[in-house]
Amino acid sequence: MRSITCFISMSKRHTFIFFQYFILLTIAISIFVLTPILHAAALSNPLGDGTGPTAIIIRVIKFVLGFVGVIALINFIIAGIQFLTSGGNPEKTGKAKQTMLWTVIGLAILFTSGIMVNVVLDIIGKTTN
């Protein structure tokens, strides 16, 4: 009976020590995380408020590119599942390879269009300033 009581008291002690270290670690991490955020709050935005037509276009394009990127990721996952579940069947394996190929082609088009949009917006931004 005594050994069980000793084990319970040690368990409480270990829990207490764990929470001490946890709180100390949380405070240390929050100091490192919050310091740059607090310094950034004091800075003014040199680019303006970001409500102009160019800023709105950039936000919409970034959203669309991100959304299409998520769809491409889902396509890669689907192709991987198709490939893994094909069981060596050449027809199913070919379908998985085609899905992966068209996803890569779509990503290439996506990256190319993103680069083209950035170049055009840089040119527009330089001519309007």
Protein backbone atom coordinates (compact mmCIF):
# COMPACT_ATOMS: atom_id res chain seq x y z
CA MET A 1 0.00 0.00 0.00
CA ARG A 2 2.85 2.34 0.79
CA SER A 3 4.40 1.88 -2.65
CA ILE A 4 1.14 2.89 -4.35
CA THR A 5 0.94 6.06 -2.25
CA CYS A 6 4.55 6.86 -3.09
CA PHE A 7 3.81 6.30 -6.79
CA ILE A 8 0.79 8.62 -6.67
CA SER A 9 2.75 11.35 -4.92
CA MET A 10 5.57 11.01 -7.46
CA SER A 11 3.03 11.21 -10.24
CA LYS A 12 1.64 14.46 -8.82
CA ARG A 13 5.16 15.78 -8.42
CA HIS A 14 6.03 14.93 -12.02
CA THR A 15 2.81 16.55 -13.20
CA PHE A 16 3.62 19.68 -11.23
CA ILE A 17 7.15 19.81 -12.68
CA PHE A 18 5.77 19.23 -16.16
CA PHE A 19 3.36 22.14 -15.81
CA GLN A 20 6.15 24.37 -14.49
CA TYR A 21 8.28 23.61 -17.54
CA PHE A 22 5.27 23.96 -19.81
CA ILE A 23 4.43 27.42 -18.46
CA LEU A 24 8.08 28.48 -18.62
CA LEU A 25 8.37 27.26 -22.21
CA THR A 26 5.11 28.98 -23.17
CA ILE A 27 6.33 32.28 -21.76
CA ALA A 28 9.70 31.96 -23.52
CA ILE A 29 8.10 31.14 -26.87
CA SER A 30 5.56 33.94 -26.54
CA ILE A 31 8.37 36.43 -25.91
CA PHE A 32 10.12 35.37 -29.11
CA VAL A 33 6.89 35.37 -31.10
CA LEU A 34 5.38 38.58 -29.77
CA THR A 35 8.49 40.76 -29.94
CA PRO A 36 8.57 41.06 -33.76
CA ILE A 37 4.80 41.47 -33.86
CA LEU A 38 4.87 44.32 -31.36
CA HIS A 39 7.68 46.05 -33.23
CA ALA A 40 5.81 45.63 -36.51
CA ALA A 41 2.71 47.23 -35.02
CA ALA A 42 4.61 50.48 -34.61
CA LEU A 43 5.67 50.63 -38.27
CA SER A 44 3.64 52.55 -40.81
CA ASN A 45 2.80 51.00 -44.17
CA PRO A 46 4.94 52.71 -46.84
CA LEU A 47 2.79 51.30 -49.65
CA GLY A 48 -0.43 52.98 -48.62
CA ASP A 49 -3.65 51.42 -47.47
CA GLY A 50 -3.83 48.81 -50.26
CA THR A 51 -7.33 49.66 -51.47
CA GLY A 52 -6.43 50.81 -54.97
CA PRO A 53 -7.45 48.90 -58.07
CA THR A 54 -4.03 47.31 -58.46
CA ALA A 55 -4.07 46.02 -54.87
CA ILE A 56 -7.55 44.58 -55.31
CA ILE A 57 -6.52 42.85 -58.55
CA ILE A 58 -3.45 41.40 -56.84
CA ARG A 59 -5.56 40.05 -53.96
CA VAL A 60 -8.07 38.44 -56.33
CA ILE A 61 -5.31 36.88 -58.44
CA LYS A 62 -3.51 35.53 -55.34
CA PHE A 63 -6.78 34.01 -54.13
CA VAL A 64 -7.48 32.37 -57.50
CA LEU A 65 -3.91 31.06 -57.80
CA GLY A 66 -4.08 29.66 -54.27
CA PHE A 67 -7.45 28.03 -54.94
CA VAL A 68 -6.21 26.42 -58.15
CA GLY A 69 -3.10 25.26 -56.29
CA VAL A 70 -5.30 23.51 -53.74
CA ILE A 71 -7.22 21.84 -56.57
CA ALA A 72 -3.90 20.69 -58.07
CA LEU A 73 -2.87 19.23 -54.71
CA ILE A 74 -6.16 17.35 -54.52
CA ASN A 75 -5.57 16.06 -58.07
CA PHE A 76 -2.10 14.81 -57.06
CA ILE A 77 -3.62 13.00 -54.09
CA ILE A 78 -6.31 11.45 -56.29
CA ALA A 79 -3.70 10.35 -58.83
CA GLY A 80 -1.58 8.84 -56.07
CA ILE A 81 -4.53 6.92 -54.67
CA GLN A 82 -5.43 5.72 -58.18
CA PHE A 83 -1.86 4.60 -58.71
CA LEU A 84 -1.68 2.78 -55.37
CA THR A 85 -5.02 1.05 -55.81
CA SER A 86 -4.43 0.04 -59.43
CA GLY A 87 -2.99 -3.29 -58.35
CA GLY A 88 -0.75 -3.50 -61.39
CA ASN A 89 -3.66 -3.13 -63.81
CA PRO A 90 -2.16 -1.30 -66.83
CA GLU A 91 -5.41 0.49 -67.61
CA LYS A 92 -5.79 1.92 -64.09
CA THR A 93 -2.08 2.73 -63.89
CA GLY A 94 -2.30 4.57 -67.21
CA LYS A 95 -5.29 6.55 -65.95
CA ALA A 96 -3.36 7.54 -62.81
CA LYS A 97 -0.36 8.59 -64.91
CA GLN A 98 -2.62 10.67 -67.16
CA THR A 99 -4.16 12.38 -64.14
CA MET A 100 -0.70 13.18 -62.81
CA LEU A 101 0.50 14.39 -66.23
CA TRP A 102 -2.45 16.73 -66.70
CA THR A 103 -2.04 18.04 -63.17
CA VAL A 104 1.62 18.86 -63.87
CA ILE A 105 0.64 20.56 -67.13
CA GLY A 106 -2.02 22.55 -65.28
CA LEU A 107 0.51 23.62 -62.65
CA ALA A 108 2.94 24.70 -65.37
CA ILE A 109 0.20 26.83 -66.92
CA LEU A 110 -0.69 28.17 -63.47
CA PHE A 111 2.90 29.18 -62.68
CA THR A 112 3.37 30.71 -66.12
CA SER A 113 0.19 32.75 -65.79
CA GLY A 114 1.22 33.86 -62.31
CA ILE A 115 4.58 35.05 -63.61
CA MET A 116 2.93 36.86 -66.51
CA VAL A 117 0.46 38.60 -64.20
CA ASN A 118 3.27 39.68 -61.86
CA VAL A 119 5.26 41.10 -64.78
CA VAL A 120 2.24 43.01 -66.09
CA LEU A 121 1.40 44.36 -62.64
CA ASP A 122 5.03 45.42 -62.12
CA ILE A 123 4.93 47.30 -65.41
CA ILE A 124 1.61 48.93 -64.52
CA GLY A 125 2.88 49.80 -61.05
CA LYS A 126 6.04 51.41 -62.44
CA THR A 127 4.16 53.48 -65.00
CA THR A 128 1.58 54.77 -62.53
CA ASN A 129 4.11 55.82 -59.88
